[in-house]
Structures are given as C-alpha cells and as structure tokens.
Amino acid sequence: MSDLSIKRPSKAQTTKEKLIQEVAGVDGNVKVNFNLPRTLLKQTKIRCAEEGRSMSQLVRELLTSYLHKST
C-alpha cells in the first residue's frame, strides 16, 4: 500500500507544521482548552464583541490580574 495523499503536499505539510508549532508553543503561546457553561460563554463573547477585544485578550488580562494580587 502506498502512502500517497490526495492533498497537495505543500498544503498538508504546512498544516502539519502549524499544528506542531501550536502544540509545542513555538511562538511563545500555548493553546489552552477548558469547559465553560454555554450561557457564560455566550455572555462573554457578546461582551468581548461590544468592547472590541478577543476572548484571548480578556483571559490574559484576567489571569495577569489574578497573579498580581497579593496573597
């Protein structure tokens, strides 16, 4: 059996490389997955859109603020 693919080799390789870089955090960022209640996610997306910022920005700001609190 052959290892041939119907995808264009350059595109398949690019996708694979992007996934590897994303998982490895090569660009300094790491992808994080977690569960949220649907209503909380919906409300948060609406609020972020109204404020013109991404959910990633919001989460970074909240985590930074949390970590800078004195214990």
N, C-alpha and C. Protein backbone atom coordinates (compact mmCIF):
# COMPACT_ATOMS: atom_id res chain seq x y z
N MET A 1 0.83 -1.18 0.00
CA MET A 1 0.00 0.00 0.00
C MET A 1 0.87 1.24 0.00
N SER A 2 0.44 2.26 -0.67
CA SER A 2 1.21 3.48 -0.85
C SER A 2 0.83 4.52 0.21
N ASP A 3 1.76 5.41 0.52
CA ASP A 3 1.50 6.49 1.46
C ASP A 3 1.10 7.77 0.73
N LEU A 4 0.49 7.64 -0.43
CA LEU A 4 0.09 8.81 -1.20
C LEU A 4 -1.14 9.46 -0.58
N SER A 5 -1.22 10.76 -0.72
CA SER A 5 -2.34 11.52 -0.19
C SER A 5 -2.99 12.30 -1.31
N ILE A 6 -4.29 12.55 -1.19
CA ILE A 6 -4.97 13.33 -2.21
C ILE A 6 -4.77 14.82 -2.00
N LYS A 7 -4.26 15.21 -0.83
CA LYS A 7 -4.00 16.62 -0.55
C LYS A 7 -2.73 17.06 -1.27
N ARG A 8 -2.68 18.36 -1.53
CA ARG A 8 -1.45 18.90 -2.09
C ARG A 8 -0.36 18.78 -1.04
N PRO A 9 0.81 18.27 -1.40
CA PRO A 9 1.88 18.07 -0.41
C PRO A 9 2.26 19.34 0.34
N SER A 10 2.33 20.46 -0.37
CA SER A 10 2.75 21.69 0.30
C SER A 10 1.72 22.13 1.33
N LYS A 11 0.43 21.99 1.01
CA LYS A 11 -0.61 22.40 1.95
C LYS A 11 -0.65 21.45 3.15
N ALA A 12 -0.57 20.16 2.91
CA ALA A 12 -0.60 19.19 4.01
C ALA A 12 0.58 19.42 4.95
N GLN A 13 1.74 19.65 4.41
CA GLN A 13 2.93 19.88 5.23
C GLN A 13 2.78 21.17 6.03
N THR A 14 2.25 22.21 5.43
CA THR A 14 2.07 23.48 6.12
C THR A 14 1.10 23.30 7.29
N THR A 15 0.01 22.61 7.07
CA THR A 15 -0.96 22.38 8.14
C THR A 15 -0.33 21.58 9.27
N LYS A 16 0.40 20.54 8.92
CA LYS A 16 1.05 19.71 9.93
C LYS A 16 2.05 20.54 10.74
N GLU A 17 2.85 21.34 10.05
CA GLU A 17 3.84 22.17 10.74
C GLU A 17 3.17 23.17 11.67
N LYS A 18 2.07 23.77 11.22
CA LYS A 18 1.36 24.73 12.06
C LYS A 18 0.83 24.06 13.32
N LEU A 19 0.27 22.87 13.18
CA LEU A 19 -0.25 22.15 14.35
C LEU A 19 0.87 21.82 15.33
N ILE A 20 1.99 21.37 14.81
CA ILE A 20 3.13 21.03 15.68
C ILE A 20 3.63 22.27 16.41
N GLN A 21 3.74 23.39 15.70
CA GLN A 21 4.20 24.62 16.34
C GLN A 21 3.21 25.09 17.39
N GLU A 22 1.92 24.97 17.10
CA GLU A 22 0.90 25.41 18.04
C GLU A 22 0.95 24.59 19.32
N VAL A 23 1.05 23.29 19.18
CA VAL A 23 1.10 22.41 20.35
C VAL A 23 2.38 22.62 21.13
N ALA A 24 3.48 22.82 20.44
CA ALA A 24 4.77 22.99 21.09
C ALA A 24 4.94 24.37 21.71
N GLY A 25 4.09 25.31 21.33
CA GLY A 25 4.21 26.66 21.86
C GLY A 25 5.43 27.38 21.32
N VAL A 26 5.78 27.11 20.08
CA VAL A 26 6.98 27.69 19.47
C VAL A 26 6.90 29.21 19.41
N ASP A 27 5.71 29.76 19.22
CA ASP A 27 5.57 31.21 19.11
C ASP A 27 5.46 31.89 20.47
N GLY A 28 5.68 31.15 21.55
CA GLY A 28 5.61 31.71 22.89
C GLY A 28 4.24 31.58 23.52
N ASN A 29 3.27 31.13 22.76
CA ASN A 29 1.92 30.93 23.27
C ASN A 29 1.59 29.45 23.31
N VAL A 30 0.69 29.10 24.20
CA VAL A 30 0.23 27.72 24.32
C VAL A 30 -1.28 27.73 24.24
N LYS A 31 -1.83 26.82 23.48
CA LYS A 31 -3.28 26.73 23.37
C LYS A 31 -3.83 26.02 24.60
N VAL A 32 -4.87 26.59 25.20
CA VAL A 32 -5.47 26.04 26.40
C VAL A 32 -6.94 25.75 26.13
N ASN A 33 -7.39 24.59 26.53
CA ASN A 33 -8.79 24.22 26.39
C ASN A 33 -9.39 23.97 27.76
N PHE A 34 -10.60 24.46 27.98
CA PHE A 34 -11.31 24.20 29.22
C PHE A 34 -12.80 24.33 28.97
N ASN A 35 -13.58 23.79 29.89
CA ASN A 35 -15.03 23.78 29.75
C ASN A 35 -15.65 24.97 30.47
N LEU A 36 -16.69 25.54 29.83
CA LEU A 36 -17.47 26.62 30.41
C LEU A 36 -18.94 26.33 30.21
N PRO A 37 -19.80 26.80 31.10
CA PRO A 37 -21.23 26.70 30.82
C PRO A 37 -21.56 27.52 29.56
N ARG A 38 -22.46 27.00 28.74
CA ARG A 38 -22.80 27.67 27.47
C ARG A 38 -23.24 29.12 27.68
N THR A 39 -24.04 29.35 28.70
CA THR A 39 -24.55 30.72 28.92
C THR A 39 -23.40 31.68 29.25
N LEU A 40 -22.44 31.22 30.04
CA LEU A 40 -21.30 32.06 30.38
C LEU A 40 -20.47 32.37 29.14
N LEU A 41 -20.26 31.37 28.30
CA LEU A 41 -19.51 31.59 27.07
C LEU A 41 -20.22 32.59 26.16
N LYS A 42 -21.51 32.42 26.00
CA LYS A 42 -22.29 33.31 25.13
C LYS A 42 -22.23 34.75 25.64
N GLN A 43 -22.45 34.94 26.94
CA GLN A 43 -22.40 36.28 27.52
C GLN A 43 -21.01 36.91 27.37
N THR A 44 -20.00 36.10 27.55
CA THR A 44 -18.62 36.59 27.44
C THR A 44 -18.30 36.99 26.01
N LYS A 45 -18.71 36.18 25.03
CA LYS A 45 -18.47 36.52 23.63
C LYS A 45 -19.15 37.82 23.25
N ILE A 46 -20.39 37.99 23.71
CA ILE A 46 -21.14 39.23 23.41
C ILE A 46 -20.42 40.42 24.00
N ARG A 47 -20.02 40.31 25.25
CA ARG A 47 -19.35 41.43 25.93
C ARG A 47 -18.02 41.77 25.27
N CYS A 48 -17.25 40.75 24.91
CA CYS A 48 -15.97 40.98 24.23
C CYS A 48 -16.19 41.68 22.89
N ALA A 49 -17.21 41.27 22.15
CA ALA A 49 -17.52 41.90 20.87
C ALA A 49 -17.90 43.36 21.07
N GLU A 50 -18.70 43.64 22.08
CA GLU A 50 -19.10 45.01 22.38
C GLU A 50 -17.90 45.88 22.75
N GLU A 51 -16.95 45.29 23.43
CA GLU A 51 -15.75 46.02 23.88
C GLU A 51 -14.64 46.02 22.83
N GLY A 52 -14.83 45.26 21.75
CA GLY A 52 -13.83 45.23 20.68
C GLY A 52 -12.54 44.51 21.05
N ARG A 53 -12.65 43.49 21.86
CA ARG A 53 -11.46 42.71 22.19
C ARG A 53 -11.77 41.23 22.08
N SER A 54 -10.72 40.43 21.99
CA SER A 54 -10.89 38.99 21.83
C SER A 54 -11.02 38.34 23.21
N MET A 55 -11.53 37.13 23.19
CA MET A 55 -11.61 36.37 24.44
C MET A 55 -10.22 36.05 24.95
N SER A 56 -9.28 35.85 24.04
CA SER A 56 -7.89 35.60 24.45
C SER A 56 -7.34 36.79 25.24
N GLN A 57 -7.61 37.99 24.74
CA GLN A 57 -7.16 39.19 25.46
C GLN A 57 -7.77 39.25 26.85
N LEU A 58 -9.07 38.98 26.93
CA LEU A 58 -9.77 39.02 28.22
C LEU A 58 -9.16 38.02 29.20
N VAL A 59 -8.96 36.80 28.75
CA VAL A 59 -8.42 35.76 29.63
C VAL A 59 -7.00 36.12 30.08
N ARG A 60 -6.17 36.63 29.16
CA ARG A 60 -4.82 37.05 29.54
C ARG A 60 -4.86 38.14 30.62
N GLU A 61 -5.75 39.14 30.42
CA GLU A 61 -5.87 40.22 31.39
C GLU A 61 -6.34 39.71 32.75
N LEU A 62 -7.33 38.83 32.74
CA LEU A 62 -7.85 38.28 34.00
C LEU A 62 -6.80 37.44 34.72
N LEU A 63 -6.07 36.62 33.99
CA LEU A 63 -5.04 35.79 34.62
C LEU A 63 -3.90 36.66 35.17
N THR A 64 -3.50 37.66 34.40
CA THR A 64 -2.44 38.56 34.86
C THR A 64 -2.86 39.28 36.13
N SER A 65 -4.09 39.79 36.15
CA SER A 65 -4.61 40.46 37.33
C SER A 65 -4.66 39.52 38.53
N TYR A 66 -5.12 38.30 38.28
CA TYR A 66 -5.19 37.28 39.35
C TYR A 66 -3.82 37.00 39.93
N LEU A 67 -2.82 36.87 39.08
CA LEU A 67 -1.47 36.53 39.54
C LEU A 67 -0.79 37.68 40.25
N HIS A 68 -1.22 38.92 39.98
CA HIS A 68 -0.61 40.08 40.63
C HIS A 68 -1.26 40.44 41.97
N LYS A 69 -2.35 39.76 42.30
CA LYS A 69 -2.97 40.00 43.60
C LYS A 69 -2.06 39.53 44.71
N SER A 70 -2.03 40.29 45.79
CA SER A 70 -1.23 39.84 46.95
C SER A 70 -2.03 38.79 47.70
N THR A 71 -1.32 37.82 48.22
CA THR A 71 -1.99 36.73 48.94
C THR A 71 -2.00 36.94 50.42
